[in-house]
Protein backbone atom coordinates (compact mmCIF):
# COMPACT_ATOMS: atom_id res chain seq x y z
CA MET A 1 -85.35 38.39 90.53
CA ARG A 2 -83.08 37.07 87.53
CA ARG A 3 -85.46 38.35 85.10
CA ARG A 4 -85.61 41.65 86.70
CA ARG A 5 -81.86 42.07 86.31
CA LEU A 6 -81.98 41.09 82.89
CA ILE A 7 -84.87 43.71 82.22
CA CYS A 8 -82.94 46.39 84.00
CA PHE A 9 -79.43 45.49 82.14
CA SER A 10 -81.30 45.68 78.67
CA LEU A 11 -82.91 49.04 79.38
CA LEU A 12 -79.52 50.13 80.63
CA ALA A 13 -77.97 49.27 77.51
CA LEU A 14 -80.56 51.03 75.31
CA ILE A 15 -80.32 54.25 77.08
CA CYS A 16 -76.54 54.19 76.83
CA ALA A 17 -76.79 53.26 73.14
CA ALA A 18 -79.49 55.50 72.26
CA PRO A 19 -77.15 58.73 71.85
CA VAL A 20 -74.39 56.81 69.51
CA ALA A 21 -75.02 57.89 65.90
CA ALA A 22 -73.41 56.06 63.23
CA GLU A 23 -72.01 57.82 60.11
CA THR A 24 -70.79 56.36 56.96
CA ARG A 25 -68.04 58.04 54.93
CA LEU A 26 -66.96 57.37 51.46
CA SER A 27 -63.86 59.07 49.69
CA LEU A 28 -61.36 58.91 46.90
CA GLY A 29 -57.97 60.12 47.42
CA TYR A 30 -54.74 60.55 45.65
CA GLY A 31 -51.39 60.63 47.45
CA MET A 32 -47.71 59.96 47.05
CA GLN A 33 -45.48 57.70 49.01
CA LEU A 34 -41.78 57.89 49.83
CA ASN A 35 -40.51 54.53 48.74
CA SER A 36 -36.64 55.15 49.29
CA MET A 37 -36.38 52.51 52.08
CA LEU A 38 -37.87 49.70 49.92
CA ASN A 39 -36.26 50.67 46.59
CA SER A 40 -32.80 50.47 48.26
CA THR A 41 -33.32 46.32 47.80
CA LEU A 42 -34.66 46.89 44.45
CA ASN A 43 -31.93 48.95 43.10
CA ASP A 44 -29.30 46.66 44.58
CA ASN A 45 -30.88 44.13 42.57
CA LEU A 46 -31.29 46.15 39.47
CA GLN A 47 -27.35 46.80 39.76
CA LYS A 48 -26.62 43.28 39.92
CA GLN A 49 -29.08 41.87 37.22
CA VAL A 50 -28.34 44.61 34.58
CA LEU A 51 -24.84 46.08 35.70
CA ASN A 52 -23.29 42.86 37.04
CA SER A 53 -22.17 44.95 39.94
CA GLY A 54 -21.49 41.68 41.88
CA ALA A 55 -18.82 40.68 39.29
CA ALA A 56 -20.28 37.24 38.57
CA PRO A 57 -18.22 35.78 36.09
CA ILE A 58 -19.73 34.09 32.91
CA VAL A 59 -18.60 30.14 33.08
CA GLY A 60 -19.29 27.47 30.71
CA GLN A 61 -18.25 25.21 27.95
CA SER A 62 -18.27 25.47 24.04
CA ALA A 63 -17.13 22.82 21.54
CA GLY A 64 -15.02 21.36 24.08
CA THR A 65 -13.47 24.52 25.53
CA ASP A 66 -14.06 25.98 29.02
CA TYR A 67 -14.43 29.42 29.07
CA ARG A 68 -14.64 31.94 32.10
CA SER A 69 -14.91 35.62 31.97
CA THR A 70 -16.26 38.58 33.94
CA TRP A 71 -18.29 41.58 32.47
CA LYS A 72 -19.57 44.71 33.81
CA GLY A 73 -22.30 47.22 32.50
CA GLU A 74 -22.21 51.23 32.93
CA THR A 75 -25.04 53.72 32.20
CA GLY A 76 -24.66 57.49 31.80
CA GLU A 77 -27.06 57.95 34.81
CA THR A 78 -27.75 56.17 38.07
CA LEU A 79 -29.84 53.07 37.34
CA SER A 80 -32.53 53.28 40.42
CA ALA A 81 -36.34 53.16 41.00
CA TYR A 82 -38.14 56.40 41.51
CA HIS A 83 -38.46 57.77 45.05
CA LEU A 84 -41.82 58.62 44.89
CA ILE A 85 -44.88 56.53 43.74
CA SER A 86 -48.25 57.60 43.13
CA LEU A 87 -51.02 56.15 45.60
CA PRO A 88 -54.71 56.38 44.58
CA GLU A 89 -57.21 55.36 47.34
CA LEU A 90 -60.42 54.30 48.02
CA ARG A 91 -61.57 54.73 51.75
CA ILE A 92 -64.78 53.90 53.78
CA SER A 93 -65.56 54.59 57.47
CA SER A 94 -68.24 54.43 59.90
CA ASP A 95 -68.03 57.22 62.66
CA PHE A 96 -69.59 56.68 66.29
CA ASN A 97 -70.05 59.38 68.99
CA ALA A 98 -68.00 59.02 71.92
CA GLY A 99 -68.90 61.86 74.09
CA GLN A 100 -67.01 64.97 72.64
CA ALA A 101 -65.20 63.06 70.13
CA LYS A 102 -65.80 60.33 67.51
CA VAL A 103 -64.40 56.90 67.21
CA ALA A 104 -64.19 55.36 63.52
CA PHE A 105 -63.56 51.95 61.92
CA PHE A 106 -62.48 52.25 58.42
CA GLY A 107 -61.02 50.33 55.69
CA ALA A 108 -58.92 51.28 52.36
CA LEU A 109 -57.65 50.00 49.40
CA SER A 110 -54.67 51.88 47.59
CA GLY A 111 -52.19 51.51 45.20
CA ILE A 112 -54.59 50.35 42.41
CA VAL A 113 -52.98 51.61 39.31
CA PRO A 114 -49.72 49.80 37.61
CA GLN A 115 -46.95 52.49 36.93
CA THR A 116 -43.62 52.58 35.70
CA SER A 117 -41.26 53.03 38.68
CA ALA A 118 -38.08 53.16 36.60
CA TYR A 119 -36.87 54.05 33.25
CA TYR A 120 -33.69 54.75 31.49
CA ALA A 121 -32.69 55.02 27.72
CA GLY A 122 -29.09 56.06 26.57
CA SER A 123 -25.97 54.69 26.13
CA TYR A 124 -24.73 51.36 27.90
CA GLN A 125 -21.22 50.48 27.62
CA LEU A 126 -20.34 46.59 28.13
CA SER A 127 -16.51 45.91 29.00
CA GLU A 128 -14.98 42.48 29.42
CA ALA A 129 -12.66 42.40 32.55
CA THR A 130 -9.80 40.43 30.44
CA THR A 131 -8.52 41.78 27.00
CA CYS A 132 -6.92 39.38 24.57
CA SER A 133 -4.68 39.63 21.35
CA GLY A 134 -6.65 37.60 18.43
CA VAL A 135 -9.60 35.24 19.37
CA GLN A 136 -9.22 33.49 22.83
CA TYR A 137 -12.47 31.78 23.46
CA ALA A 138 -11.08 30.42 26.98
CA THR A 139 -10.56 33.89 28.72
CA CYS A 140 -12.40 36.50 26.10
CA PRO A 141 -15.68 34.86 25.13
CA LEU A 142 -17.35 38.12 24.63
CA ALA A 143 -14.56 39.45 22.42
CA ALA A 144 -14.52 36.16 20.66
CA VAL A 145 -18.07 36.60 19.20
CA ASN A 146 -17.89 40.38 19.19
CA PHE A 147 -20.09 41.42 22.02
CA VAL A 148 -16.95 43.59 22.85
CA SER A 149 -13.96 44.94 20.63
CA ALA A 150 -10.60 44.12 20.92
CA SER A 151 -10.23 46.67 23.42
CA GLY A 152 -12.61 44.84 25.67
CA LYS A 153 -15.33 47.45 25.43
CA ALA A 154 -18.35 48.36 23.43
CA THR A 155 -21.14 51.01 23.49
CA TYR A 156 -24.57 49.80 23.24
CA ASP A 157 -28.17 51.69 22.75
CA SER A 158 -30.25 50.53 25.76
CA GLU A 159 -33.90 50.83 27.08
CA ILE A 160 -34.45 49.72 30.79
CA ARG A 161 -37.78 49.93 32.34
CA THR A 162 -39.52 48.65 35.65
CA ASN A 163 -43.00 48.50 35.96
CA LEU A 164 -44.39 48.30 39.24
CA ARG A 165 -47.75 46.94 40.58
CA PHE A 166 -49.06 46.82 44.16
CA TYR A 167 -52.29 46.65 45.85
CA ALA A 168 -52.69 47.24 49.63
CA ILE A 169 -55.56 47.12 52.12
CA THR A 170 -55.36 48.68 55.33
CA VAL A 171 -58.13 48.15 58.14
CA GLY A 172 -58.15 49.97 61.45
CA MET A 173 -59.82 52.57 63.76
CA SER A 174 -59.48 56.37 64.31
CA TYR A 175 -60.20 58.84 67.14
CA THR A 176 -61.59 62.40 66.03
CA LYS A 177 -61.65 65.52 68.02
CA ILE A 178 -63.60 68.43 66.75
CA LEU A 179 -61.16 71.45 66.44
CA GLY A 180 -63.61 74.19 65.90
CA PRO A 181 -65.29 76.21 63.24
CA ALA A 182 -63.03 78.21 60.63
CA ILE A 183 -63.70 79.72 57.13
CA GLY A 184 -67.24 78.82 57.00
CA GLY A 185 -66.76 75.32 57.97
CA GLU A 186 -65.59 72.88 60.98
CA PHE A 187 -62.24 71.25 61.29
CA ALA A 188 -61.51 67.97 62.98
CA LEU A 189 -58.28 65.99 63.48
CA ALA A 190 -57.96 62.23 63.85
CA GLY A 191 -55.27 59.85 65.19
CA GLU A 192 -55.23 56.27 63.45
CA LEU A 193 -54.08 53.21 63.84
CA GLY A 194 -54.39 50.06 61.60
CA ILE A 195 -52.67 47.19 59.73
CA MET A 196 -51.98 46.80 56.21
CA THR A 197 -51.62 44.04 53.80
CA GLN A 198 -49.72 44.31 50.48
CA VAL A 199 -49.30 42.63 47.39
CA TYR A 200 -46.23 43.73 45.51
CA ALA A 201 -44.71 43.12 42.13
CA ALA A 202 -42.04 44.58 40.09
CA ARG A 203 -40.64 43.42 36.77
CA THR A 204 -37.50 45.00 35.13
CA GLU A 205 -37.17 44.45 31.40
CA PHE A 206 -33.92 45.44 29.61
CA SER A 207 -32.36 45.58 26.14
CA VAL A 208 -29.28 46.96 25.00
CA ASN A 209 -28.11 46.22 21.28
CA ARG A 210 -25.20 47.32 19.08
CA CYS A 211 -24.11 46.65 15.51
CA THR A 212 -20.82 44.95 15.00
CA THR A 213 -20.25 47.02 11.85
CA GLY A 214 -20.52 50.13 13.83
CA GLY A 215 -23.57 51.31 12.36
CA SER A 216 -26.53 52.63 14.18
CA VAL A 217 -29.47 50.40 15.49
CA PRO A 218 -31.28 48.85 13.88
CA CYS A 219 -28.42 46.98 11.96
CA ALA A 220 -28.48 46.34 8.41
CA GLN A 221 -27.93 42.68 8.63
CA ILE A 222 -29.42 40.49 11.54
CA ALA A 223 -25.94 38.73 11.53
CA ASP A 224 -24.46 42.10 12.78
CA VAL A 225 -26.91 42.32 15.75
CA ARG A 226 -25.33 41.98 19.33
CA ALA A 227 -27.75 42.39 22.32
CA VAL A 228 -27.91 41.86 25.93
CA GLN A 229 -31.45 41.13 27.02
CA GLY A 230 -32.98 40.08 30.23
CA GLU A 231 -35.63 40.83 32.85
CA LEU A 232 -35.88 40.68 36.65
CA THR A 233 -39.09 39.84 38.49
CA THR A 234 -39.52 40.61 42.22
CA GLU A 235 -42.95 39.70 43.94
CA SER A 236 -43.77 39.54 47.40
CA VAL A 237 -44.58 36.16 49.36
CA TYR A 238 -46.10 38.41 52.13
CA ALA A 239 -46.07 41.98 53.00
CA PHE A 240 -47.71 43.46 56.29
CA GLY A 241 -47.37 45.87 59.09
CA PRO A 242 -48.93 48.12 61.29
CA VAL A 243 -49.93 51.86 60.32
CA LEU A 244 -49.77 54.97 62.13
CA GLY A 245 -51.67 58.22 60.60
CA THR A 246 -53.39 61.40 61.39
CA THR A 247 -55.96 63.06 59.18
CA LEU A 248 -57.33 66.82 59.15
CA ARG A 249 -60.76 66.93 57.87
CA TYR A 250 -62.75 70.02 56.70
CA GLN A 251 -66.56 70.10 56.18
CA ARG A 252 -69.21 72.83 56.04
CA PRO A 253 -72.31 72.42 57.91
CA ASP A 254 -74.87 72.78 54.90
CA THR A 255 -73.25 69.75 52.69
CA ARG A 256 -72.29 66.32 53.10
CA VAL A 257 -69.21 66.77 51.09
CA TYR A 258 -65.83 66.84 53.08
CA PHE A 259 -61.95 67.28 52.41
CA GLU A 260 -59.24 65.55 54.18
CA LEU A 261 -55.51 65.61 54.46
CA GLY A 262 -53.90 62.63 55.49
CA ALA A 263 -50.33 61.72 56.45
CA SER A 264 -49.41 58.27 57.59
CA ALA A 265 -46.47 55.62 57.79
CA VAL A 266 -46.47 51.94 57.20
CA PHE A 267 -43.85 49.68 59.15
CA LEU A 268 -43.65 47.26 56.58
CA LEU A 269 -42.33 43.62 56.99
CA MET A 270 -41.89 41.75 53.40
CA ARG A 271 -40.51 38.55 52.15
CA LEU A 272 -39.50 39.16 48.33
CA GLN A 273 -38.84 36.25 45.69
CA ASN A 274 -36.75 37.30 42.76
CA SER A 275 -36.41 35.39 39.43
CA GLY A 276 -34.81 36.74 36.23
CA TYR A 277 -32.08 35.94 33.52
CA THR A 278 -29.38 37.88 31.26
CA ASN A 279 -28.96 36.56 27.97
CA PHE A 280 -26.05 37.56 25.60
CA VAL A 281 -27.61 37.22 22.06
CA GLY A 282 -25.85 37.28 18.92
CA ALA A 283 -27.87 37.49 15.87
CA THR A 284 -30.65 35.14 16.45
CA SER A 285 -29.15 32.73 18.98
CA VAL A 286 -28.32 32.87 22.68
CA ALA A 287 -24.39 32.46 23.12
CA PHE A 288 -24.40 33.07 26.72
CA THR A 289 -26.68 33.21 29.79
CA GLN A 290 -26.80 33.80 33.41
CA SER A 291 -29.58 33.28 36.25
CA SER A 292 -30.55 36.15 38.52
CA GLN A 293 -29.04 33.90 41.14
CA ALA A 294 -25.80 33.51 39.23
CA LEU A 295 -25.68 37.01 39.04
CA GLY A 296 -25.90 37.16 43.14
CA VAL A 297 -29.43 38.28 43.32
CA GLN A 298 -30.89 36.20 46.10
CA SER A 299 -33.94 34.02 45.36
CA GLU A 300 -35.54 35.37 48.55
CA GLN A 301 -35.01 38.33 50.62
CA ASP A 302 -36.70 39.45 53.94
CA THR A 303 -36.81 43.36 54.32
CA PHE A 304 -38.13 45.91 56.58
CA SER A 305 -39.19 49.30 55.33
CA ILE A 306 -40.90 52.65 56.82
CA LEU A 307 -42.98 54.10 54.17
CA PRO A 308 -44.54 57.68 54.68
CA SER A 309 -46.91 58.98 52.53
CA VAL A 310 -49.39 62.25 52.04
CA THR A 311 -53.04 61.70 50.56
CA VAL A 312 -55.62 64.47 49.66
CA ARG A 313 -59.24 62.99 49.81
CA CYS A 314 -62.56 64.00 48.79
CA GLY A 315 -65.58 62.10 50.12
CA ILE A 316 -69.12 62.22 50.96
CA LYS A 317 -71.16 61.38 54.12
CA LEU A 318 -73.93 58.82 53.37
């Protein structure tokens, strides 16, 4: 009796599985992701690191003299990362018939091209909060070594660049319904649910320079060079979250090539790790230095971002 039941169950399973056909699809895509929510954290850190928006003072001692001074930087334009980032994608999926619809399991690799996510070149004004008459190292150390003039201000030539690199892997499933024939082919609409894990790194390098003689950069004498230089590195400790999306597919009946337009949003939880420094360089030596933490940038930050994107794909049914 047991053997008969096992045989009947096996036959029933084979009968049910017979109409299920699997199709494998491979596609390349290119899209744009709106990064505004994630950028708000990066932009706030940039303002603190490059412009000292947190008003963190330089504090130290030189030749037995204690000094303390607050500085700030200003640029001609708002210093911020770009709102949109490019999103190359490699995607593979397997479709299975489910009645009048199809269920698919997919995996995708995106964000595989490093890119510049912020760039600024122009004038940078450095100012010291306190002005002094004559050389007073204790209260006006920047003016004392000619980083600013007696007025407490100086204009520098600047270059500020942020390079972004991230890799994201998404796995999930989709449910597809045929919409019907149109313009010589067939349209289908899919709803998607998945989970994304991401590796994220952004590195900002900045250098502002001037000549104490008032001449243009590069300076005639190295002793005349004054520079503010530094970097800020932001890396993800972890980054993951659910992904919701929809895809419109078009395919002609006589070809294996298809086209897709996808829209999705990832609800991303991230822990970021920050490190960096800002150096005030006179000629060839570092006169003052501040770490990113001294400038008010947290060493670790937890963030939540909703990142919508739109992607165009071209693929082939294998």
